C-alpha atoms as a PDB file:
ATOM      1  CA  MET A   1       2.034  18.292 -13.141  1.00  0.00           C
ATOM      2  CA  ALA A   2       0.799  21.764 -14.050  1.00  0.00           C
ATOM      3  CA  MET A   3       0.917  24.110 -11.093  1.00  0.00           C
ATOM      4  CA  ASN A   4      -1.737  26.689 -10.311  1.00  0.00           C
ATOM      5  CA  ASP A   5      -0.524  30.271 -10.633  1.00  0.00           C
ATOM      6  CA  LYS A   6      -1.808  30.783  -7.089  1.00  0.00           C
ATOM      7  CA  GLY A   7       1.297  30.126  -5.026  1.00  0.00           C
ATOM      8  CA  TYR A   8       4.519  28.382  -5.941  1.00  0.00           C
ATOM      9  CA  LEU A   9       6.093  24.969  -5.649  1.00  0.00           C
ATOM     10  CA  ASP A  10       8.331  24.740  -2.585  1.00  0.00           C
ATOM     11  CA  PRO A  11      11.155  22.217  -3.220  1.00  0.00           C
ATOM     12  CA  LEU A  12      12.252  22.211   0.448  1.00  0.00           C
ATOM     13  CA  LEU A  13       8.783  21.415   1.765  1.00  0.00           C
ATOM     14  CA  SER A  14       8.277  18.895  -1.034  1.00  0.00           C
ATOM     15  CA  ASN A  15      11.416  17.068   0.102  1.00  0.00           C
ATOM     16  CA  VAL A  16      10.144  17.182   3.695  1.00  0.00           C
ATOM     17  CA  ALA A  17       6.926  15.539   2.481  1.00  0.00           C
ATOM     18  CA  VAL A  18       8.717  12.807   0.510  1.00  0.00           C
ATOM     19  CA  ASP A  19      11.152  12.051   3.362  1.00  0.00           C
ATOM     20  CA  TYR A  20       8.347  11.945   5.925  1.00  0.00           C
ATOM     21  CA  ALA A  21       6.318   9.566   3.756  1.00  0.00           C
ATOM     22  CA  GLN A  22       9.295   7.235   3.288  1.00  0.00           C
ATOM     23  CA  GLY A  23       9.905   7.003   7.027  1.00  0.00           C
ATOM     24  CA  MET A  24       6.281   6.645   8.065  1.00  0.00           C
ATOM     25  CA  ASN A  25       4.966   3.414   9.550  1.00  0.00           C
ATOM     26  CA  LYS A  26       1.885   3.744  11.778  1.00  0.00           C
ATOM     27  CA  GLY A  27       0.355   0.531  10.469  1.00  0.00           C
ATOM     28  CA  LEU A  28       0.477   1.614   6.830  1.00  0.00           C
ATOM     29  CA  VAL A  29       1.280  -1.296   4.530  1.00  0.00           C
ATOM     30  CA  ALA A  30       0.188  -0.175   1.040  1.00  0.00           C
ATOM     31  CA  ARG A  31       3.708   0.811  -0.077  1.00  0.00           C
ATOM     32  CA  SER A  32       5.190  -2.439   1.205  1.00  0.00           C
ATOM     33  CA  LEU A  33       2.651  -4.540  -0.692  1.00  0.00           C
ATOM     34  CA  PHE A  34       2.420  -2.319  -3.795  1.00  0.00           C
ATOM     35  CA  THR A  35       5.939  -0.976  -4.233  1.00  0.00           C
ATOM     36  CA  PRO A  36       6.097   2.643  -5.516  1.00  0.00           C
ATOM     37  CA  ILE A  37       7.462   3.426  -8.960  1.00  0.00           C
ATOM     38  CA  GLU A  38       7.865   6.686 -10.863  1.00  0.00           C
ATOM     39  CA  VAL A  39       6.077   7.505 -14.098  1.00  0.00           C
ATOM     40  CA  ASP A  40       6.972  10.577 -16.130  1.00  0.00           C
ATOM     41  CA  ARG A  41       3.533  11.463 -17.437  1.00  0.00           C
ATOM     42  CA  GLU A  42      -0.145  10.730 -17.038  1.00  0.00           C
ATOM     43  CA  ASP A  43      -0.388   8.457 -20.092  1.00  0.00           C
ATOM     44  CA  SER A  44       2.516   6.175 -19.207  1.00  0.00           C
ATOM     45  CA  LYS A  45       2.250   2.457 -19.892  1.00  0.00           C
ATOM     46  CA  TYR A  46       3.299  -0.478 -17.736  1.00  0.00           C
ATOM     47  CA  PRO A  47       3.281  -4.221 -18.456  1.00  0.00           C
ATOM     48  CA  PHE A  48       0.410  -6.200 -16.986  1.00  0.00           C
ATOM     49  CA  PHE A  49       1.789  -9.630 -16.148  1.00  0.00           C
ATOM     50  CA  GLY A  50      -0.388 -12.620 -16.862  1.00  0.00           C
ATOM     51  CA  LYS A  51       0.882 -16.174 -17.114  1.00  0.00           C
ATOM     52  CA  GLU A  52       1.345 -15.676 -20.870  1.00  0.00           C
ATOM     53  CA  ASN A  53       4.372 -13.498 -20.082  1.00  0.00           C
ATOM     54  CA  TYR A  54       6.251 -16.548 -18.932  1.00  0.00           C
ATOM     55  CA  THR A  55       5.664 -18.977 -21.767  1.00  0.00           C
ATOM     56  CA  VAL A  56       9.027 -20.455 -22.679  1.00  0.00           C
ATOM     57  CA  PRO A  57      10.022 -21.026 -26.317  1.00  0.00           C
ATOM     58  CA  GLU A  58      12.204 -23.981 -27.330  1.00  0.00           C
ATOM     59  CA  ASP A  59      15.792 -22.992 -26.517  1.00  0.00           C
ATOM     60  CA  SER A  60      17.730 -25.580 -28.509  1.00  0.00           C
ATOM     61  CA  ILE A  61      19.291 -23.782 -31.464  1.00  0.00           C
ATOM     62  CA  ASN A  62      20.074 -26.999 -33.327  1.00  0.00           C
ATOM     63  CA  ASP A  63      16.530 -27.102 -34.694  1.00  0.00           C
ATOM     64  CA  PHE A  64      16.584 -23.482 -35.848  1.00  0.00           C
ATOM     65  CA  GLU A  65      19.726 -23.301 -37.965  1.00  0.00           C
ATOM     66  CA  GLY A  66      21.819 -22.114 -35.024  1.00  0.00           C
ATOM     67  CA  GLU A  67      19.614 -19.104 -34.329  1.00  0.00           C
ATOM     68  CA  ALA A  68      18.002 -18.452 -30.953  1.00  0.00           C
ATOM     69  CA  ARG A  69      14.237 -18.019 -30.923  1.00  0.00           C
ATOM     70  CA  ARG A  70      12.837 -14.704 -29.763  1.00  0.00           C
ATOM     71  CA  SER A  71      11.286 -14.489 -26.319  1.00  0.00           C
ATOM     72  CA  ASP A  72       9.590 -11.126 -26.206  1.00  0.00           C
ATOM     73  CA  LEU A  73       7.469  -9.575 -23.488  1.00  0.00           C
ATOM     74  CA  SER A  74       4.112 -10.734 -24.762  1.00  0.00           C
ATOM     75  CA  GLY A  75       1.852  -9.322 -22.084  1.00  0.00           C
ATOM     76  CA  GLU A  76      -0.478  -6.394 -22.374  1.00  0.00           C
ATOM     77  CA  LEU A  77       0.845  -2.876 -21.841  1.00  0.00           C
ATOM     78  CA  LYS A  78      -1.743  -0.997 -19.803  1.00  0.00           C
ATOM     79  CA  SER A  79      -2.095   2.753 -19.606  1.00  0.00           C
ATOM     80  CA  ILE A  80      -1.521   4.213 -16.174  1.00  0.00           C
ATOM     81  CA  HIS A  81      -3.895   7.099 -15.556  1.00  0.00           C
ATOM     82  CA  CYS A  82      -2.657   8.701 -12.357  1.00  0.00           C
ATOM     83  CA  ILE A  83      -5.192  10.679 -10.331  1.00  0.00           C
ATOM     84  CA  PRO A  84      -4.372  13.944  -8.521  1.00  0.00           C
ATOM     85  CA  HIS A  85      -5.006  14.089  -4.759  1.00  0.00           C
ATOM     86  CA  ALA A  86      -4.469  17.141  -2.564  1.00  0.00           C
ATOM     87  CA  LEU A  87      -5.193  18.621   0.855  1.00  0.00           C
ATOM     88  CA  LYS A  88      -4.376  22.048   2.255  1.00  0.00           C
ATOM     89  CA  GLU A  89      -3.998  23.644   5.669  1.00  0.00           C
ATOM     90  CA  GLY A  90      -3.992  27.287   6.716  1.00  0.00           C
ATOM     91  CA  ILE A  91      -1.600  28.936   9.177  1.00  0.00           C
ATOM     92  CA  ASP A  92      -3.175  32.069  10.629  1.00  0.00           C
ATOM     93  CA  VAL A  93      -0.428  34.724  10.570  1.00  0.00           C
ATOM     94  CA  ARG A  94      -1.627  36.588  13.699  1.00  0.00           C
ATOM     95  CA  LYS A  95      -2.132  33.442  15.775  1.00  0.00           C
ATOM     96  CA  ASN A  96       1.171  32.005  14.600  1.00  0.00           C
ATOM     97  CA  ARG A  97       2.996  35.212  15.582  1.00  0.00           C
ATOM     98  CA  GLN A  98       1.701  34.805  19.135  1.00  0.00           C
ATOM     99  CA  MET A  99       2.886  31.188  19.390  1.00  0.00           C
ATOM    100  CA  ASP A 100       6.324  29.877  20.234  1.00  0.00           C
ATOM    101  CA  GLY A 101       8.547  28.533  17.474  1.00  0.00           C
ATOM    102  CA  PRO A 102       9.656  29.790  14.061  1.00  0.00           C
ATOM    103  CA  PHE A 103       7.229  30.029  11.169  1.00  0.00           C
ATOM    104  CA  LYS A 104       9.045  27.517   8.961  1.00  0.00           C
ATOM    105  CA  THR A 105       8.571  24.875  11.646  1.00  0.00           C
ATOM    106  CA  LYS A 106       4.818  25.427  11.478  1.00  0.00           C
ATOM    107  CA  GLU A 107       4.916  24.911   7.709  1.00  0.00           C
ATOM    108  CA  ARG A 108       6.858  21.666   8.074  1.00  0.00           C
ATOM    109  CA  ASP A 109       4.451  20.451  10.743  1.00  0.00           C
ATOM    110  CA  ALA A 110       1.511  21.221   8.462  1.00  0.00           C
ATOM    111  CA  VAL A 111       3.162  19.311   5.609  1.00  0.00           C
ATOM    112  CA  LYS A 112       3.607  16.237   7.801  1.00  0.00           C
ATOM    113  CA  ARG A 113      -0.015  16.308   8.937  1.00  0.00           C
ATOM    114  CA  LEU A 114      -1.208  16.583   5.345  1.00  0.00           C
ATOM    115  CA  VAL A 115       1.085  13.785   4.153  1.00  0.00           C
ATOM    116  CA  TYR A 116      -0.265  11.471   6.840  1.00  0.00           C
ATOM    117  CA  LYS A 117      -3.868  12.173   5.817  1.00  0.00           C
ATOM    118  CA  LEU A 118      -3.061  11.661   2.138  1.00  0.00           C
ATOM    119  CA  MET A 119      -1.366   8.368   2.951  1.00  0.00           C
ATOM    120  CA  ILE A 120      -4.384   7.174   4.928  1.00  0.00           C
ATOM    121  CA  GLN A 121      -6.471   7.755   1.807  1.00  0.00           C
ATOM    122  CA  GLU A 122      -3.839   5.941  -0.280  1.00  0.00           C
ATOM    123  CA  GLU A 123      -4.065   3.050   2.185  1.00  0.00           C
ATOM    124  CA  ARG A 124      -7.852   2.955   1.760  1.00  0.00           C
ATOM    125  CA  ARG A 125      -7.553   2.867  -2.030  1.00  0.00           C
ATOM    126  CA  ALA A 126      -5.010   0.030  -1.897  1.00  0.00           C
ATOM    127  CA  ALA A 127      -7.206  -1.903   0.551  1.00  0.00           C
ATOM    128  CA  ALA A 128     -10.145  -1.543  -1.836  1.00  0.00           C
ATOM    129  CA  VAL A 129      -8.060  -2.855  -4.755  1.00  0.00           C
ATOM    130  CA  VAL A 130      -6.877  -5.863  -2.732  1.00  0.00           C
ATOM    131  CA  GLY A 131     -10.353  -6.532  -1.352  1.00  0.00           C
ATOM    132  CA  ALA A 132     -11.800  -6.692  -4.872  1.00  0.00           C
ATOM    133  CA  HIS A 133      -9.118  -9.043  -6.226  1.00  0.00           C
ATOM    134  CA  ALA A 134     -10.550 -12.008  -8.128  1.00  0.00           C
ATOM    135  CA  ASN A 135      -7.884 -14.505  -7.017  1.00  0.00           C
ATOM    136  CA  HIS A 136      -9.301 -15.077  -3.546  1.00  0.00           C
ATOM    137  CA  LEU A 137     -10.818 -17.471  -1.028  1.00  0.00           C
ATOM    138  CA  ASP A 138     -13.768 -16.746   1.272  1.00  0.00           C
ATOM    139  CA  LEU A 139     -13.692 -18.468   4.651  1.00  0.00           C
ATOM    140  CA  ALA A 140     -16.906 -19.265   6.495  1.00  0.00           C
ATOM    141  CA  ALA A 141     -18.308 -21.062   9.552  1.00  0.00           C
ATOM    142  CA  ASP A 142     -16.608 -22.181  12.722  1.00  0.00           C
ATOM    143  CA  GLY A 143     -14.775 -25.485  12.560  1.00  0.00           C
ATOM    144  CA  ALA A 144     -11.497 -27.229  11.878  1.00  0.00           C
ATOM    145  CA  GLY A 145     -11.908 -27.533   8.101  1.00  0.00           C
ATOM    146  CA  ASP A 146      -9.561 -26.048   5.539  1.00  0.00           C
ATOM    147  CA  THR A 147     -11.976 -23.242   4.636  1.00  0.00           C
ATOM    148  CA  ASN A 148     -13.325 -22.505   8.123  1.00  0.00           C
ATOM    149  CA  LEU A 149     -12.725 -19.245   9.937  1.00  0.00           C
ATOM    150  CA  TRP A 150      -9.391 -18.692  11.696  1.00  0.00           C
ATOM    151  CA  SER A 151     -11.200 -17.569  14.828  1.00  0.00           C
ATOM    152  CA  GLY A 152     -13.113 -19.974  17.060  1.00  0.00           C
ATOM    153  CA  THR A 153     -11.784 -23.522  16.728  1.00  0.00           C
ATOM    154  CA  GLY A 154      -9.370 -22.292  14.132  1.00  0.00           C
ATOM    155  CA  GLY A 155      -9.885 -23.568  10.612  1.00  0.00           C
ATOM    156  CA  ASP A 156      -6.544 -24.473   9.003  1.00  0.00           C
ATOM    157  CA  PRO A 157      -4.412 -21.437   8.046  1.00  0.00           C
ATOM    158  CA  PHE A 158      -1.623 -23.657   6.728  1.00  0.00           C
ATOM    159  CA  ALA A 159      -3.935 -25.484   4.328  1.00  0.00           C
ATOM    160  CA  VAL A 160      -4.979 -22.063   3.031  1.00  0.00           C
ATOM    161  CA  ALA A 161      -1.301 -21.125   2.647  1.00  0.00           C
ATOM    162  CA  ASP A 162      -0.784 -24.285   0.587  1.00  0.00           C
ATOM    163  CA  ALA A 163      -3.763 -23.331  -1.594  1.00  0.00           C
ATOM    164  CA  ALA A 164      -2.234 -19.883  -2.065  1.00  0.00           C
ATOM    165  CA  ARG A 165       1.083 -21.365  -3.196  1.00  0.00           C
ATOM    166  CA  ALA A 166      -0.723 -23.649  -5.616  1.00  0.00           C
ATOM    167  CA  SER A 167      -2.595 -20.650  -7.041  1.00  0.00           C
ATOM    168  CA  LEU A 168       0.393 -18.309  -7.385  1.00  0.00           C
ATOM    169  CA  TRP A 169       3.083 -18.720 -10.011  1.00  0.00           C
ATOM    170  CA  MET A 170       5.790 -17.630  -7.552  1.00  0.00           C
ATOM    171  CA  ASP A 171       6.017 -18.591  -3.900  1.00  0.00           C
ATOM    172  CA  PRO A 172       4.757 -15.702  -1.762  1.00  0.00           C
ATOM    173  CA  ASN A 173       7.394 -13.788   0.161  1.00  0.00           C
ATOM    174  CA  VAL A 174       4.966 -11.445   1.971  1.00  0.00           C
ATOM    175  CA  LEU A 175       1.969 -12.212   4.166  1.00  0.00           C
ATOM    176  CA  LEU A 176      -0.317  -9.269   4.894  1.00  0.00           C
ATOM    177  CA  LEU A 177      -2.648  -9.558   7.890  1.00  0.00           C
ATOM    178  CA  SER A 178      -5.215  -7.054   9.029  1.00  0.00           C
ATOM    179  CA  ARG A 179      -4.759  -6.362  12.737  1.00  0.00           C
ATOM    180  CA  ASP A 180      -7.836  -8.372  13.767  1.00  0.00           C
ATOM    181  CA  VAL A 181      -6.655 -11.427  11.823  1.00  0.00           C
ATOM    182  CA  PHE A 182      -3.185 -11.126  13.386  1.00  0.00           C
ATOM    183  CA  LEU A 183      -4.728 -11.108  16.867  1.00  0.00           C
ATOM    184  CA  ALA A 184      -6.821 -14.172  15.970  1.00  0.00           C
ATOM    185  CA  LEU A 185      -3.760 -16.084  14.709  1.00  0.00           C
ATOM    186  CA  LYS A 186      -1.910 -15.365  17.967  1.00  0.00           C
ATOM    187  CA  HIS A 187      -4.503 -17.619  19.655  1.00  0.00           C
ATOM    188  CA  ASN A 188      -5.311 -19.955  16.777  1.00  0.00           C
ATOM    189  CA  PRO A 189      -5.071 -23.584  17.991  1.00  0.00           C
ATOM    190  CA  VAL A 190      -3.557 -24.817  14.722  1.00  0.00           C
ATOM    191  CA  VAL A 191      -0.855 -22.133  14.852  1.00  0.00           C
ATOM    192  CA  LEU A 192      -0.119 -22.857  18.519  1.00  0.00           C
ATOM    193  CA  ALA A 193       0.096 -26.585  17.782  1.00  0.00           C
ATOM    194  CA  LYS A 194       2.745 -25.884  15.124  1.00  0.00           C
ATOM    195  CA  LEU A 195       4.983 -24.365  17.792  1.00  0.00           C
ATOM    196  CA  GLY A 196       5.368 -27.723  19.550  1.00  0.00           C
ATOM    197  CA  ALA A 197       4.958 -28.700  23.161  1.00  0.00           C
ATOM    198  CA  ASN A 198       8.301 -27.304  24.269  1.00  0.00           C
ATOM    199  CA  GLU A 199       8.031 -23.910  22.616  1.00  0.00           C
ATOM    200  CA  ALA A 200       6.841 -20.721  24.302  1.00  0.00           C
ATOM    201  CA  LYS A 201       3.327 -20.006  23.088  1.00  0.00           C
ATOM    202  CA  ILE A 202       4.145 -16.438  22.051  1.00  0.00           C
ATOM    203  CA  VAL A 203       3.239 -15.656  18.460  1.00  0.00           C
ATOM    204  CA  THR A 204       5.057 -12.711  16.878  1.00  0.00           C
ATOM    205  CA  THR A 205       5.332 -11.498  13.301  1.00  0.00           C
ATOM    206  CA  GLN A 206       8.662 -13.320  13.057  1.00  0.00           C
ATOM    207  CA  THR A 207       7.035 -16.506  14.370  1.00  0.00           C
ATOM    208  CA  LEU A 208       4.357 -16.270  11.685  1.00  0.00           C
ATOM    209  CA  ALA A 209       6.936 -15.501   8.994  1.00  0.00           C
ATOM    210  CA  ASP A 210       8.795 -18.686   9.928  1.00  0.00           C
ATOM    211  CA  LEU A 211       5.632 -20.808  10.139  1.00  0.00           C
ATOM    212  CA  PHE A 212       4.190 -19.566   6.836  1.00  0.00           C
ATOM    213  CA  GLU A 213       7.594 -19.558   5.106  1.00  0.00           C
ATOM    214  CA  VAL A 214       7.569 -15.916   4.003  1.00  0.00           C
ATOM    215  CA  SER A 215      10.207 -13.218   4.326  1.00  0.00           C
ATOM    216  CA  GLN A 216       7.933 -10.626   5.888  1.00  0.00           C
ATOM    217  CA  VAL A 217       4.619 -10.384   7.713  1.00  0.00           C
ATOM    218  CA  LEU A 218       2.877  -7.013   7.384  1.00  0.00           C
ATOM    219  CA  ILE A 219       0.350  -6.012  10.045  1.00  0.00           C
ATOM    220  CA  ALA A 220      -2.190  -3.588   8.597  1.00  0.00           C
ATOM    221  CA  SER A 221      -3.379  -1.622  11.619  1.00  0.00           C
ATOM    222  CA  ALA A 222      -3.959   1.891  10.232  1.00  0.00           C
ATOM    223  CA  GLN A 223      -7.136   3.664  11.300  1.00  0.00           C
ATOM    224  CA  TRP A 224      -9.063   6.520   9.798  1.00  0.00           C
ATOM    225  CA  ALA A 225     -11.704   8.819  11.226  1.00  0.00           C
ATOM    226  CA  GLY A 226     -13.956   9.174   8.191  1.00  0.00           C
ATOM    227  CA  SER A 227     -14.909  12.338   6.329  1.00  0.00           C
ATOM    228  CA  ARG A 228     -16.395  14.624   8.967  1.00  0.00           C
ATOM    229  CA  LYS A 229     -18.636  17.563   8.127  1.00  0.00           C
ATOM    230  CA  ARG A 230     -17.697  20.989   9.472  1.00  0.00           C
ATOM    231  CA  GLY A 231     -18.988  21.403  13.009  1.00  0.00           C
ATOM    232  CA  ASP A 232     -19.590  17.700  13.551  1.00  0.00           C
ATOM    233  CA  LYS A 233     -17.751  16.694  16.721  1.00  0.00           C
ATOM    234  CA  ALA A 234     -18.587  12.991  16.524  1.00  0.00           C
ATOM    235  CA  VAL A 235     -15.596  10.977  15.330  1.00  0.00           C
ATOM    236  CA  THR A 236     -15.622   7.212  14.833  1.00  0.00           C
ATOM    237  CA  MET A 237     -12.309   5.496  14.231  1.00  0.00           C
ATOM    238  CA  SER A 238     -12.271   2.365  12.100  1.00  0.00           C
ATOM    239  CA  ARG A 239      -9.570   0.067  10.703  1.00  0.00           C
ATOM    240  CA  VAL A 240      -8.714   0.498   7.042  1.00  0.00           C
ATOM    241  CA  TRP A 241      -8.109  -3.259   6.654  1.00  0.00           C
ATOM    242  CA  SER A 242     -10.418  -5.791   8.269  1.00  0.00           C
ATOM    243  CA  LYS A 243     -10.871  -9.602   8.347  1.00  0.00           C
ATOM    244  CA  LEU A 244      -8.346 -10.025   5.552  1.00  0.00           C
ATOM    245  CA  ALA A 245      -5.112 -11.850   4.805  1.00  0.00           C
ATOM    246  CA  ALA A 246      -3.120 -11.766   1.588  1.00  0.00           C
ATOM    247  CA  PHE A 247      -0.266 -13.914   0.327  1.00  0.00           C
ATOM    248  CA  ALA A 248       1.862 -11.998  -2.178  1.00  0.00           C
ATOM    249  CA  TYR A 249       5.048 -12.099  -4.155  1.00  0.00           C
ATOM    250  CA  VAL A 250       6.587  -8.623  -3.945  1.00  0.00           C
ATOM    251  CA  THR A 251       9.672  -7.157  -5.587  1.00  0.00           C
ATOM    252  CA  THR A 252      10.913  -3.615  -6.103  1.00  0.00           C
ATOM    253  CA  GLU A 253      12.370  -4.481  -9.511  1.00  0.00           C
ATOM    254  CA  ASP A 254      11.038  -2.507 -12.451  1.00  0.00           C
ATOM    255  CA  GLN A 255       8.885  -4.263 -15.080  1.00  0.00           C
ATOM    256  CA  MET A 256       8.970  -7.606 -13.300  1.00  0.00           C
ATOM    257  CA  PRO A 257       6.042  -9.623 -11.902  1.00  0.00           C
ATOM    258  CA  THR A 258       4.970  -8.324  -8.494  1.00  0.00           C
ATOM    259  CA  ALA A 259       1.624  -8.102  -6.728  1.00  0.00           C
ATOM    260  CA  GLY A 260       1.106  -4.444  -7.518  1.00  0.00           C
ATOM    261  CA  LYS A 261       2.544  -0.973  -7.872  1.00  0.00           C
ATOM    262  CA  ILE A 262       1.769   2.504  -6.653  1.00  0.00           C
ATOM    263  CA  PHE A 263       2.493   4.662  -9.684  1.00  0.00           C
ATOM    264  CA  LEU A 264       3.715   8.142  -8.754  1.00  0.00           C
ATOM    265  CA  GLU A 265       3.719  10.846 -11.390  1.00  0.00           C
ATOM    266  CA  LYS A 266       6.915  12.861 -11.430  1.00  0.00           C
ATOM    267  CA  ALA A 267       6.501  16.608 -11.749  1.00  0.00           C
ATOM    268  CA  PRO A 268       8.842  18.556 -14.076  1.00  0.00           C
ATOM    269  CA  GLY A 269      11.866  19.909 -12.235  1.00  0.00           C
ATOM    270  CA  MET A 270      11.494  17.615  -9.234  1.00  0.00           C
ATOM    271  CA  ASP A 271      14.204  15.168  -8.177  1.00  0.00           C
ATOM    272  CA  ALA A 272      11.791  12.559  -6.854  1.00  0.00           C
ATOM    273  CA  ALA A 273       8.255  11.506  -7.592  1.00  0.00           C
ATOM    274  CA  GLY A 274       5.594  11.648  -4.945  1.00  0.00           C
ATOM    275  CA  PHE A 275       4.404  14.486  -2.784  1.00  0.00           C
ATOM    276  CA  LEU A 276       4.529  18.112  -3.873  1.00  0.00           C
ATOM    277  CA  ALA A 277       4.106  21.057  -1.528  1.00  0.00           C
ATOM    278  CA  ARG A 278       3.249  24.618  -2.468  1.00  0.00           C
ATOM    279  CA  THR A 279       2.516  27.710  -0.404  1.00  0.00           C
ATOM    280  CA  TRP A 280       0.768  31.032  -0.863  1.00  0.00           C
ATOM    281  CA  HIS A 281      -0.579  33.886   1.217  1.00  0.00           C
ATOM    282  CA  ASP A 282      -4.344  34.385   1.392  1.00  0.00           C
ATOM    283  CA  SER A 283      -4.840  37.988   2.499  1.00  0.00           C
ATOM    284  CA  GLY A 284      -8.617  37.556   2.693  1.00  0.00           C
ATOM    285  CA  ARG A 285      -8.562  35.124   5.600  1.00  0.00           C
ATOM    286  CA  GLY A 286      -7.871  36.152   9.192  1.00  0.00           C
ATOM    287  CA  VAL A 287      -6.918  39.510  10.663  1.00  0.00           C
ATOM    288  CA  GLU A 288      -3.446  39.523   9.113  1.00  0.00           C
ATOM    289  CA  GLY A 289      -4.066  36.932   6.445  1.00  0.00           C
ATOM    290  CA  THR A 290      -3.375  33.209   6.337  1.00  0.00           C
ATOM    291  CA  ASP A 291      -0.421  31.398   4.881  1.00  0.00           C
ATOM    292  CA  MET A 292      -1.671  28.325   3.040  1.00  0.00           C
ATOM    293  CA  VAL A 293       0.205  25.048   2.639  1.00  0.00           C
ATOM    294  CA  GLN A 294      -1.008  22.468   0.142  1.00  0.00           C
ATOM    295  CA  VAL A 295       0.377  18.987  -0.413  1.00  0.00           C
ATOM    296  CA  SER A 296      -0.560  17.024  -3.501  1.00  0.00           C
ATOM    297  CA  LEU A 297       0.091  13.555  -4.883  1.00  0.00           C
ATOM    298  CA  VAL A 298      -0.608  12.285  -8.396  1.00  0.00           C
ATOM    299  CA  SER A 299      -0.825   8.520  -8.190  1.00  0.00           C
ATOM    300  CA  LYS A 300      -2.620   5.260  -8.949  1.00  0.00           C
ATOM    301  CA  GLU A 301      -2.678   1.929  -7.102  1.00  0.00           C
ATOM    302  CA  GLU A 302      -2.803  -1.062  -9.472  1.00  0.00           C
ATOM    303  CA  ILE A 303      -2.416  -4.833  -9.383  1.00  0.00           C
ATOM    304  CA  VAL A 304       0.109  -5.620 -12.108  1.00  0.00           C
ATOM    305  CA  ALA A 305       0.464  -9.409 -11.691  1.00  0.00           C
ATOM    306  CA  PRO A 306      -2.829 -10.982 -10.563  1.00  0.00           C
ATOM    307  CA  ASP A 307      -1.177 -14.376 -10.051  1.00  0.00           C
ATOM    308  CA  CYS A 308       1.251 -12.857  -7.558  1.00  0.00           C
ATOM    309  CA  LEU A 309      -1.541 -12.044  -5.091  1.00  0.00           C
ATOM    310  CA  TYR A 310      -3.903 -14.420  -3.275  1.00  0.00           C
ATOM    311  CA  VAL A 311      -6.442 -12.854  -0.928  1.00  0.00           C
ATOM    312  CA  VAL A 312      -8.219 -14.544   1.995  1.00  0.00           C
ATOM    313  CA  LYS A 313     -11.453 -12.706   2.722  1.00  0.00           C
ATOM    314  CA  SER A 314     -13.636 -13.009   5.846  1.00  0.00           C
ATOM    315  CA  ALA A 315     -10.776 -14.783   7.575  1.00  0.00           C
ATOM    316  CA  ILE A 316     -12.405 -14.305  10.993  1.00  0.00           C
ATOM    317  CA  ALA A 317     -15.937 -13.865  12.300  1.00  0.00           C
END
């Protein structure tokens, strides 16, 4: 990524940003559902996996003069156009001098705050991609039917799971639940009935993983405070994910079917793709100037195997 001549790339702070992002949880699930992968340039290509990728030629070589038939990757290669994202924060030199703690600590703290905000926006983009997915089921009305809501009298979450398996070409190994859907399933009568009369009626993520036969249950509980105008003190927190469940097959393997990927453009000279931090001094701000810290991310969230993701929308009232 081309760097502005205003300031310089700081490898140490960039590594702080990447490490902080890798260890962050806080209800963020985008990178567990859409596993990150590096791309070297903006116009990279990645295979889009439809069912045609897994057509199987005849493998008996007796009918082909002893020669094996070719089985090439037949799917479409899509261009990945990563989009730059960035936020910056200023550290007032005079105010910082009057505070406890070394200056470098303030820079690292600023980087972490910026990374968190950038990841909230990444979470919102991933949620929008999942919410618009065509392979989905809308639940409605209170009742005990297969397509009724999971709140109230409960619908039938396990019938929906069976429909998801029938729709996907690989059994899902991940179940994503928005926080409100998770809370509803903890009290869902069909789920509680599955536990049996002698079991403690405590529903955890591990309980749900066992009941729905997946390796992992992700609880999407991240919140964001919106884009506030300067001077506006009113802040309303809202959940990034809402009323949604998703059954997915997820793998970290490269160029293999998986629900989706977060493509991260790798900047020249950097060891790892992802967040970049740069700093500069702005002498025109503050009494003694302001040291600026900017963190950027060049990325794109994409579904790469539509038949590895099944979304349940409006799962609760």
